[in-house]
């Protein structure tokens, strides 16, 4: 492949008709949103969360200033205050249910609550939902300890305040699709709040297009390796969807689409949009659903068939995660506010914002994306139908070599088909819809068409 092959992430698009290079520009409205994300606000939010003492899921839900119940009510009050800016489109509530003891990490009947804020889309016919999440509960070394101070500044105070700040900045925005801001309970006890909502979304047939889950995203250094770096953030995604049948997995293997499941497309999108809008930050794609042998709140959504990814800091520090507060041999343990980097957290929140705002503003994905295979040849014919929601001004056909992780070329067309002088033997293709403002949908990998 010649070195003139252009990377999507160098922000260059190729116009199919003029062959002229056109810089993919930042939307000034989204850029303005990103400028409003405040490291000072994030730090104040974290400080307030830490002041609740412990936020263990098993802690009190009745004390007005301590424990999980008080912290959830505080987040709800923030959502309710932001809703005043939405002209009635944002609603906030506690999604409640009762959890019975399980003989594992739940030792008694407890009242569970996820804190939710829903920013309704402006198009009443558009059923799409995009969600951003974090978890409010914290823990110390013993996950069953419900009384010791568990500040949880970074795990997952960082993800919780990210969701709060995104709700604040976006509360007055007008997107055709709906955006949900979710703060889960029970992550440390076994992903309980996320599992409850994922099952609810499945049972109620939500058109949940993508979930961005934020967990441990506000510290810039690691123990043991002593790496200090606030210029990279990780996005975890699975390749082959866990819910697919053996027949569909077999087709993905046959076509070479093992790295092109829905979650992986969301991760690529987060990388492109995050790096487009956030300076001095690289979004690093990790090709696994989560950290090695570990899990997070996106996993129940993946299990239920939704495209969900996890966003986390690049270098975790285990001295400040799941630890009792103490000092041993001159080493301080515990998840404290002072160990966080709030400018780094601001950039990571901005990655979420750029991705969410672009997705919610873009038209839906193109329908019926097909690649023609009725004859041998070294050209590739693609065709598709218009999106179900929103109006597409045009379409990008994306292309990459089979061994490459990221899209390398974009070809623009306003038609519903495109013939390219590149062999489907050597490249992987996808199609995304583009709105009049330049906002791109998620890419869709083509299915096989044996005849037109």
Protein backbone atom coordinates (compact mmCIF):
# COMPACT_ATOMS: atom_id res chain seq x y z
CA UNK A 1 0.00 0.00 0.00
CA UNK A 2 1.47 3.35 -1.03
CA UNK A 3 2.25 5.88 1.64
CA UNK A 4 -0.26 8.22 0.02
CA UNK A 5 -3.07 6.13 1.52
CA UNK A 6 -4.77 8.59 3.81
CA UNK A 7 -5.70 7.86 7.38
CA UNK A 8 -9.12 8.78 8.71
CA UNK A 9 -7.36 9.82 11.87
CA UNK A 10 -5.28 12.39 10.01
CA UNK A 11 -8.71 13.94 9.47
CA UNK A 12 -8.63 13.79 5.66
CA UNK A 13 -11.58 12.74 3.54
CA UNK A 14 -11.48 11.93 -0.17
CA UNK A 15 -14.23 13.30 -2.37
CA UNK A 16 -15.24 10.64 -4.91
CA UNK A 17 -16.11 13.11 -7.62
CA UNK A 18 -13.55 15.89 -7.44
CA UNK A 19 -10.75 13.73 -5.95
CA UNK A 20 -9.91 16.85 -3.92
CA UNK A 21 -8.74 16.54 -0.35
CA UNK A 22 -11.06 18.11 2.17
CA UNK A 23 -10.25 18.62 5.84
CA UNK A 24 -12.86 17.05 8.12
CA UNK A 25 -13.75 20.03 10.26
CA UNK A 26 -14.79 20.28 13.86
CA UNK A 27 -18.40 21.27 14.39
CA UNK A 28 -18.18 24.67 16.18
CA UNK A 29 -21.20 23.80 18.34
CA UNK A 30 -19.60 20.58 19.58
CA UNK A 31 -16.30 22.42 20.06
CA UNK A 32 -18.15 24.93 22.22
CA UNK A 33 -19.64 22.12 24.31
CA UNK A 34 -16.17 20.70 24.86
CA UNK A 35 -14.85 24.07 26.00
CA UNK A 36 -17.57 24.11 28.63
CA UNK A 37 -16.33 20.91 30.28
CA UNK A 38 -14.63 22.11 33.45
CA UNK A 39 -11.87 20.40 35.42
CA UNK A 40 -12.84 22.60 38.39
CA UNK A 41 -16.43 21.37 38.29
CA UNK A 42 -15.25 17.76 38.04
CA UNK A 43 -13.02 18.19 41.08
CA UNK A 44 -15.84 19.77 43.11
CA UNK A 45 -18.14 16.89 42.22
CA UNK A 46 -15.54 14.31 43.26
CA UNK A 47 -14.94 16.16 46.53
CA UNK A 48 -18.66 16.01 47.30
CA UNK A 49 -18.82 12.28 46.52
CA UNK A 50 -15.85 11.56 48.78
CA UNK A 51 -17.54 13.48 51.62
CA UNK A 52 -20.29 10.85 51.76
CA UNK A 53 -17.76 8.58 53.50
CA UNK A 54 -18.61 5.24 51.99
CA UNK A 55 -20.81 4.65 48.96
CA UNK A 56 -20.86 0.90 49.37
CA UNK A 57 -24.01 -0.59 47.88
CA UNK A 58 -24.55 -2.26 51.27
CA UNK A 59 -24.21 1.01 53.21
CA UNK A 60 -27.07 3.05 54.66
CA UNK A 61 -29.68 4.55 52.38
CA UNK A 62 -31.39 6.50 55.15
CA UNK A 63 -28.73 8.89 56.56
CA UNK A 64 -29.01 12.34 54.89
CA UNK A 65 -25.26 13.02 54.58
CA UNK A 66 -23.55 9.63 54.55
CA UNK A 67 -23.76 6.42 52.55
CA UNK A 68 -25.06 5.26 49.20
CA UNK A 69 -28.58 6.64 49.60
CA UNK A 70 -27.45 10.20 50.28
CA UNK A 71 -24.97 10.14 47.40
CA UNK A 72 -27.63 8.94 44.94
CA UNK A 73 -30.02 11.68 46.06
CA UNK A 74 -27.27 14.26 45.52
CA UNK A 75 -26.67 13.07 41.94
CA UNK A 76 -30.42 13.17 41.34
CA UNK A 77 -30.51 16.78 42.60
CA UNK A 78 -27.77 17.71 40.12
CA UNK A 79 -29.68 16.11 37.25
CA UNK A 80 -32.87 17.89 38.32
CA UNK A 81 -31.10 21.25 38.38
CA UNK A 82 -29.70 20.70 34.88
CA UNK A 83 -33.12 19.66 33.60
CA UNK A 84 -34.30 23.24 34.13
CA UNK A 85 -32.19 24.21 31.11
CA UNK A 86 -33.81 21.68 28.80
CA UNK A 87 -37.20 23.28 28.13
CA UNK A 88 -38.87 20.19 29.52
CA UNK A 89 -36.96 17.65 27.45
CA UNK A 90 -34.77 16.30 30.30
CA UNK A 91 -36.31 14.26 33.09
CA UNK A 92 -34.47 12.84 36.10
CA UNK A 93 -35.50 10.03 38.40
CA UNK A 94 -34.35 7.15 40.60
CA UNK A 95 -35.01 3.80 38.94
CA UNK A 96 -35.78 1.60 41.97
CA UNK A 97 -36.02 -2.12 42.60
CA UNK A 98 -35.45 -4.52 45.50
CA UNK A 99 -32.58 -6.98 45.53
CA UNK A 100 -32.72 -10.20 47.52
CA UNK A 101 -29.62 -11.71 49.20
CA UNK A 102 -27.61 -13.94 46.87
CA UNK A 103 -25.23 -15.68 49.26
CA UNK A 104 -22.32 -13.97 47.54
CA UNK A 105 -21.91 -10.17 47.67
CA UNK A 106 -25.42 -9.30 48.82
CA UNK A 107 -26.03 -10.42 52.42
CA UNK A 108 -29.50 -8.96 52.98
CA UNK A 109 -32.44 -7.50 51.13
CA UNK A 110 -31.45 -4.06 49.87
CA UNK A 111 -33.10 -1.20 48.04
CA UNK A 112 -31.36 -0.58 44.72
CA UNK A 113 -31.46 2.65 42.70
CA UNK A 114 -29.90 3.73 39.44
CA UNK A 115 -29.84 7.51 38.98
CA UNK A 116 -31.16 8.38 35.52
CA UNK A 117 -31.48 11.52 33.40
CA UNK A 118 -33.14 11.25 29.98
CA UNK A 119 -32.66 14.01 27.40
CA UNK A 120 -35.48 13.36 24.96
CA UNK A 121 -34.72 13.72 21.27
CA UNK A 122 -36.41 16.46 19.26
CA UNK A 123 -37.60 14.11 16.50
CA UNK A 124 -40.66 12.22 17.80
CA UNK A 125 -40.23 9.55 15.11
CA UNK A 126 -36.58 8.83 15.99
CA UNK A 127 -36.38 5.94 18.45
CA UNK A 128 -32.57 5.86 18.76
CA UNK A 129 -31.01 6.00 22.22
CA UNK A 130 -27.39 6.72 23.10
CA UNK A 131 -26.26 6.18 26.69
CA UNK A 132 -23.30 7.24 28.83
CA UNK A 133 -22.70 5.69 32.25
CA UNK A 134 -20.55 5.34 35.36
CA UNK A 135 -21.10 3.67 38.74
CA UNK A 136 -21.55 5.49 42.03
CA UNK A 137 -20.77 2.70 44.50
CA UNK A 138 -17.35 2.38 46.12
CA UNK A 139 -15.52 -0.26 48.16
CA UNK A 140 -12.48 -0.99 50.30
CA UNK A 141 -10.44 -4.21 50.43
CA UNK A 142 -13.33 -6.27 51.77
CA UNK A 143 -16.23 -5.82 49.36
CA UNK A 144 -18.66 -6.69 52.19
CA UNK A 145 -17.35 -3.87 54.44
CA UNK A 146 -20.22 -1.36 54.45
CA UNK A 147 -19.03 1.05 57.16
CA UNK A 148 -15.35 1.89 56.62
CA UNK A 149 -14.54 5.01 54.64
CA UNK A 150 -14.39 4.14 50.94
CA UNK A 151 -13.78 7.46 49.16
CA UNK A 152 -13.95 5.96 45.65
CA UNK A 153 -12.59 9.17 44.17
CA UNK A 154 -11.40 7.54 40.97
CA UNK A 155 -13.24 4.18 41.12
CA UNK A 156 -15.71 5.22 40.10
CA UNK A 157 -16.12 8.79 41.26
CA UNK A 158 -14.41 9.74 38.01
CA UNK A 159 -17.03 7.98 35.88
CA UNK A 160 -19.90 9.31 37.98
CA UNK A 161 -18.77 12.94 37.73
CA UNK A 162 -18.13 12.46 34.01
CA UNK A 163 -21.80 11.59 33.57
CA UNK A 164 -22.86 14.52 35.77
CA UNK A 165 -20.73 16.98 33.81
CA UNK A 166 -21.97 15.66 30.47
CA UNK A 167 -25.56 16.09 31.65
CA UNK A 168 -24.79 19.67 32.69
CA UNK A 169 -23.14 20.67 29.43
CA UNK A 170 -25.62 18.92 27.12
CA UNK A 171 -28.85 19.63 29.02
CA UNK A 172 -29.85 22.53 26.76
CA UNK A 173 -28.80 20.82 23.51
CA UNK A 174 -31.25 19.70 20.85
CA UNK A 175 -30.47 16.36 19.27
CA UNK A 176 -32.93 14.39 17.14
CA UNK A 177 -32.05 11.20 19.08
CA UNK A 178 -32.38 10.60 22.83
CA UNK A 179 -29.39 10.67 25.19
CA UNK A 180 -29.51 8.88 28.56
CA UNK A 181 -27.18 9.70 31.44
CA UNK A 182 -27.01 6.71 33.82
CA UNK A 183 -25.28 6.35 37.19
CA UNK A 184 -25.38 2.71 38.24
CA UNK A 185 -25.39 1.18 41.71
CA UNK A 186 -24.00 -2.22 42.63
CA UNK A 187 -21.05 -2.50 40.24
CA UNK A 188 -18.70 -3.68 42.96
CA UNK A 189 -21.24 -6.27 44.12
CA UNK A 190 -21.43 -7.84 40.67
CA UNK A 191 -22.55 -5.31 38.00
CA UNK A 192 -26.01 -5.36 39.57
CA UNK A 193 -27.39 -1.98 38.45
CA UNK A 194 -26.11 -2.38 34.91
CA UNK A 195 -27.51 -5.91 34.67
CA UNK A 196 -30.91 -4.66 35.82
CA UNK A 197 -31.01 -1.87 33.23
CA UNK A 198 -29.60 -4.00 30.40
CA UNK A 199 -32.29 -6.62 30.94
CA UNK A 200 -34.92 -3.89 31.15
CA UNK A 201 -33.71 -2.33 27.89
CA UNK A 202 -33.84 -5.72 26.19
CA UNK A 203 -37.31 -6.57 27.55
CA UNK A 204 -38.69 -3.18 26.52
CA UNK A 205 -37.01 -3.30 23.07
CA UNK A 206 -35.03 -0.09 23.46
CA UNK A 207 -33.31 1.01 20.27
CA UNK A 208 -30.08 1.46 22.24
CA UNK A 209 -27.49 2.09 19.55
CA UNK A 210 -24.40 2.56 21.73
CA UNK A 211 -23.33 2.72 25.38
CA UNK A 212 -20.17 4.50 26.55
CA UNK A 213 -19.31 3.23 30.03
CA UNK A 214 -16.76 5.20 32.06
CA UNK A 215 -14.94 3.47 34.89
CA UNK A 216 -11.61 4.52 36.48
CA UNK A 217 -10.66 7.36 34.14
CA UNK A 218 -9.11 10.12 36.25
CA UNK A 219 -5.58 9.10 37.29
CA UNK A 220 -2.48 9.52 35.16
CA UNK A 221 0.01 7.13 36.79
CA UNK A 222 0.53 3.46 37.61
CA UNK A 223 2.21 1.62 40.42
CA UNK A 224 5.05 -0.84 39.73
CA UNK A 225 5.73 0.54 36.24
CA UNK A 226 5.78 4.17 37.48
CA UNK A 227 4.46 5.42 34.14
CA UNK A 228 3.04 8.94 34.26
CA UNK A 229 1.03 9.88 31.18
CA UNK A 230 -2.09 12.00 30.70
CA UNK A 231 -2.03 11.90 26.90
CA UNK A 232 -3.63 8.48 26.32
CA UNK A 233 -6.92 6.85 27.32
CA UNK A 234 -8.14 3.31 26.64
CA UNK A 235 -11.36 2.16 25.01
CA UNK A 236 -12.15 -1.54 25.44
CA UNK A 237 -14.33 -3.41 22.95
CA UNK A 238 -15.08 -6.97 21.97
CA UNK A 239 -14.67 -8.15 18.38
CA UNK A 240 -17.14 -10.98 17.81
CA UNK A 241 -20.39 -10.24 19.66
CA UNK A 242 -20.99 -12.64 22.52
CA UNK A 243 -24.68 -12.98 21.67
CA UNK A 244 -24.29 -14.03 18.04
CA UNK A 245 -25.26 -17.54 16.98
CA UNK A 246 -22.72 -20.04 15.72
CA UNK A 247 -24.04 -19.53 12.18
CA UNK A 248 -23.46 -15.75 12.29
CA UNK A 249 -20.05 -16.17 13.89
CA UNK A 250 -19.15 -18.60 11.12
CA UNK A 251 -20.11 -15.99 8.53
CA UNK A 252 -18.03 -13.33 10.29
CA UNK A 253 -15.02 -15.64 10.22
CA UNK A 254 -15.57 -16.48 6.56
CA UNK A 255 -15.73 -12.82 5.53
CA UNK A 256 -12.86 -11.75 7.81
CA UNK A 257 -15.08 -9.61 10.06
CA UNK A 258 -13.79 -10.93 13.40
CA UNK A 259 -12.73 -7.39 14.39
CA UNK A 260 -15.88 -5.68 13.14
CA UNK A 261 -18.65 -6.34 15.65
CA UNK A 262 -20.87 -3.52 16.85
CA UNK A 263 -18.79 -2.72 19.94
CA UNK A 264 -15.61 -2.57 17.88
CA UNK A 265 -17.25 -0.09 15.48
CA UNK A 266 -18.25 2.08 18.45
CA UNK A 267 -14.67 1.96 19.73
CA UNK A 268 -13.27 3.04 16.36
CA UNK A 269 -15.81 5.85 16.30
CA UNK A 270 -14.81 7.00 19.80
CA UNK A 271 -11.19 7.03 18.70
CA UNK A 272 -11.86 9.07 15.57
CA UNK A 273 -14.19 11.61 17.19
CA UNK A 274 -12.20 11.85 20.42
CA UNK A 275 -8.97 12.59 18.59
CA UNK A 276 -10.74 14.97 16.21
CA UNK A 277 -11.98 17.22 19.01
CA UNK A 278 -9.66 16.72 22.00
CA UNK A 279 -6.13 18.04 21.73
CA UNK A 280 -3.11 16.19 23.14
CA UNK A 281 -4.96 12.94 23.67
CA UNK A 282 -4.66 9.57 21.94
CA UNK A 283 -7.54 7.13 22.25
CA UNK A 284 -5.97 3.68 22.44
CA UNK A 285 -8.17 0.78 21.32
CA UNK A 286 -7.80 -2.36 23.41
CA UNK A 287 -8.96 -5.48 21.58
CA UNK A 288 -10.77 -7.16 24.46
CA UNK A 289 -14.07 -6.51 26.20
CA UNK A 290 -12.37 -5.40 29.42
CA UNK A 291 -9.13 -5.67 31.34
CA UNK A 292 -7.65 -9.14 31.71
CA UNK A 293 -10.10 -11.36 33.68
CA UNK A 294 -12.03 -8.29 34.88
CA UNK A 295 -15.37 -6.74 34.03
CA UNK A 296 -17.42 -3.56 34.05
CA UNK A 297 -20.94 -2.21 33.65
CA UNK A 298 -20.87 -2.34 29.85
CA UNK A 299 -20.65 -6.14 29.94
CA UNK A 300 -24.32 -6.86 30.78
CA UNK A 301 -25.30 -4.68 27.81
CA UNK A 302 -22.92 -6.59 25.54
CA UNK A 303 -24.45 -9.83 26.82
CA UNK A 304 -27.93 -8.57 25.92
CA UNK A 305 -26.85 -7.74 22.37
CA UNK A 306 -26.12 -4.01 22.61
CA UNK A 307 -22.97 -2.30 21.34
CA UNK A 308 -21.16 -1.15 24.48
CA UNK A 309 -17.58 -0.14 25.29
CA UNK A 310 -15.57 0.77 28.37
CA UNK A 311 -13.46 3.95 28.62
CA UNK A 312 -10.67 3.84 31.22
CA UNK A 313 -7.43 5.58 32.08
CA UNK A 314 -4.32 4.24 30.38
CA UNK A 315 -2.38 3.28 33.51
CA UNK A 316 -4.22 2.02 36.58
CA UNK A 317 -2.73 2.40 40.04
CA UNK A 318 -3.72 -0.53 42.24
CA UNK A 319 -2.43 1.15 45.40
CA UNK A 320 -5.43 3.46 45.05
CA UNK A 321 -8.06 0.93 44.01
CA UNK A 322 -10.06 -1.47 46.22
CA UNK A 323 -7.86 -0.57 49.21
CA UNK A 324 -8.42 0.17 52.91
CA UNK A 325 -7.17 3.65 53.81
CA UNK A 326 -3.75 3.16 55.41
CA UNK A 327 -0.03 3.83 55.19
CA UNK A 328 2.42 0.91 55.19
CA UNK A 329 6.20 1.18 54.86
CA UNK A 330 5.80 4.78 53.78
CA UNK A 331 3.32 3.90 51.02
CA UNK A 332 -0.15 5.48 51.16
CA UNK A 333 -3.05 3.30 50.07
CA UNK A 334 -6.59 4.32 49.20
CA UNK A 335 -8.69 5.85 46.44
CA UNK A 336 -8.28 9.50 47.39
CA UNK A 337 -9.01 12.70 45.49
CA UNK A 338 -5.40 13.89 45.76
CA UNK A 339 -4.21 11.06 43.53
CA UNK A 340 -6.31 12.22 40.57
CA UNK A 341 -5.44 14.42 37.58
CA UNK A 342 -8.49 16.56 36.83
CA UNK A 343 -7.16 18.03 33.60
CA UNK A 344 -6.72 14.46 32.34
CA UNK A 345 -10.25 13.66 33.50
CA UNK A 346 -11.53 16.73 31.64
CA UNK A 347 -10.02 15.45 28.39
CA UNK A 348 -11.51 12.00 28.89
CA UNK A 349 -14.95 13.51 29.54
CA UNK A 350 -14.54 15.53 26.34
CA UNK A 351 -13.94 12.31 24.37
CA UNK A 352 -17.34 11.10 25.56
CA UNK A 353 -18.95 14.41 24.66
CA UNK A 354 -17.54 14.53 21.13
CA UNK A 355 -18.73 10.98 20.45
CA UNK A 356 -22.17 11.35 22.03
CA UNK A 357 -22.97 14.70 20.48
CA UNK A 358 -21.93 13.59 16.99
CA UNK A 359 -23.86 10.32 17.20
CA UNK A 360 -27.02 11.97 18.52
CA UNK A 361 -26.87 14.69 15.84
CA UNK A 362 -26.07 12.35 12.93
CA UNK A 363 -28.63 10.49 10.84
CA UNK A 364 -29.12 6.82 11.61
CA UNK A 365 -26.96 4.23 9.89
CA UNK A 366 -27.65 3.37 6.24
CA UNK A 367 -29.96 0.41 5.78
CA UNK A 368 -29.43 -2.78 3.77
CA UNK A 369 -25.72 -2.25 3.12
CA UNK A 370 -24.65 -4.90 0.62
CA UNK A 371 -21.53 -5.92 -1.28
CA UNK A 372 -22.08 -7.55 -4.66
CA UNK A 373 -20.34 -10.89 -5.26
CA UNK A 374 -22.18 -12.20 -8.33
CA UNK A 375 -19.00 -12.30 -10.41
CA UNK A 376 -15.22 -12.42 -10.08
CA UNK A 377 -13.41 -9.11 -10.43
CA UNK A 378 -10.97 -6.68 -8.90
CA UNK A 379 -13.53 -3.93 -8.34
CA UNK A 380 -15.97 -3.70 -5.44
CA UNK A 381 -19.63 -2.75 -5.83
CA UNK A 382 -21.53 -1.54 -2.78
CA UNK A 383 -25.14 -0.41 -2.48
CA UNK A 384 -27.45 0.55 0.38
CA UNK A 385 -30.69 2.27 1.35
CA UNK A 386 -31.31 5.57 3.11
CA UNK A 387 -31.32 5.69 6.93
CA UNK A 388 -34.50 4.96 8.83
CA UNK A 389 -34.13 8.13 10.92
CA UNK A 390 -32.77 11.51 9.90
CA UNK A 391 -31.82 12.73 6.45
CA UNK A 392 -28.48 11.84 4.91
CA UNK A 393 -26.83 14.52 2.78
CA UNK A 394 -24.38 11.89 1.57
CA UNK A 395 -22.43 8.80 2.51
CA UNK A 396 -18.87 7.78 3.26
CA UNK A 397 -17.63 4.44 2.03
CA UNK A 398 -14.80 3.46 4.37
CA UNK A 399 -11.93 1.19 3.41
CA UNK A 400 -9.00 -0.46 5.14
CA UNK A 401 -6.57 -3.27 4.47
CA UNK A 402 -7.60 -6.48 6.19
CA UNK A 403 -4.69 -6.37 8.65
CA UNK A 404 -5.23 -2.72 9.61
CA UNK A 405 -7.07 -1.72 12.79
CA UNK A 406 -8.45 1.59 11.55
CA UNK A 407 -10.21 2.92 8.46
CA UNK A 408 -7.64 4.27 6.02
CA UNK A 409 -9.75 5.92 3.30
CA UNK A 410 -13.13 7.62 3.03
CA UNK A 411 -14.90 7.98 -0.32
CA UNK A 412 -17.83 10.41 -0.41
CA UNK A 413 -20.92 10.01 -2.56
CA UNK A 414 -24.46 11.33 -2.57
CA UNK A 415 -25.72 8.22 -4.33
CA UNK A 416 -26.93 4.96 -2.81
CA UNK A 417 -24.21 2.93 -4.45
CA UNK A 418 -20.54 3.14 -5.26
CA UNK A 419 -18.11 1.12 -7.38
CA UNK A 420 -14.49 1.23 -6.24
CA UNK A 421 -11.37 0.04 -8.11
CA UNK A 422 -10.22 -1.93 -5.06
CA UNK A 423 -10.52 -5.68 -4.57
CA UNK A 424 -12.76 -7.05 -1.82
CA UNK A 425 -10.13 -9.79 -1.44
CA UNK A 426 -7.67 -7.27 -0.04
CA UNK A 427 -9.83 -4.72 1.80
CA UNK A 428 -12.66 -4.43 4.29
CA UNK A 429 -15.39 -1.87 3.55
CA UNK A 430 -18.15 -0.13 5.48
CA UNK A 431 -20.69 2.62 4.83
CA UNK A 432 -21.80 5.47 7.08
CA UNK A 433 -24.45 8.14 6.58
CA UNK A 434 -23.48 11.82 6.78
CA UNK A 435 -25.86 14.61 7.77
CA UNK A 436 -25.98 18.11 6.33
CA UNK A 437 -23.78 19.33 9.19
CA UNK A 438 -21.12 16.72 8.48
CA UNK A 439 -22.05 14.47 11.42
CA UNK A 440 -21.33 10.80 10.65
CA UNK A 441 -23.31 7.77 11.76
CA UNK A 442 -21.65 4.60 12.95
CA UNK A 443 -20.21 2.51 10.09
CA UNK A 444 -22.08 -0.55 8.81
CA UNK A 445 -20.23 -3.57 7.48
CA UNK A 446 -21.88 -4.87 4.27
CA UNK A 447 -23.71 -8.15 3.97
CA UNK A 448 -23.21 -10.30 0.90
CA UNK A 449 -25.49 -9.91 -2.14
CA UNK A 450 -25.32 -12.63 -4.80
CA UNK A 451 -27.55 -10.69 -7.19
CA UNK A 452 -28.98 -7.20 -7.66
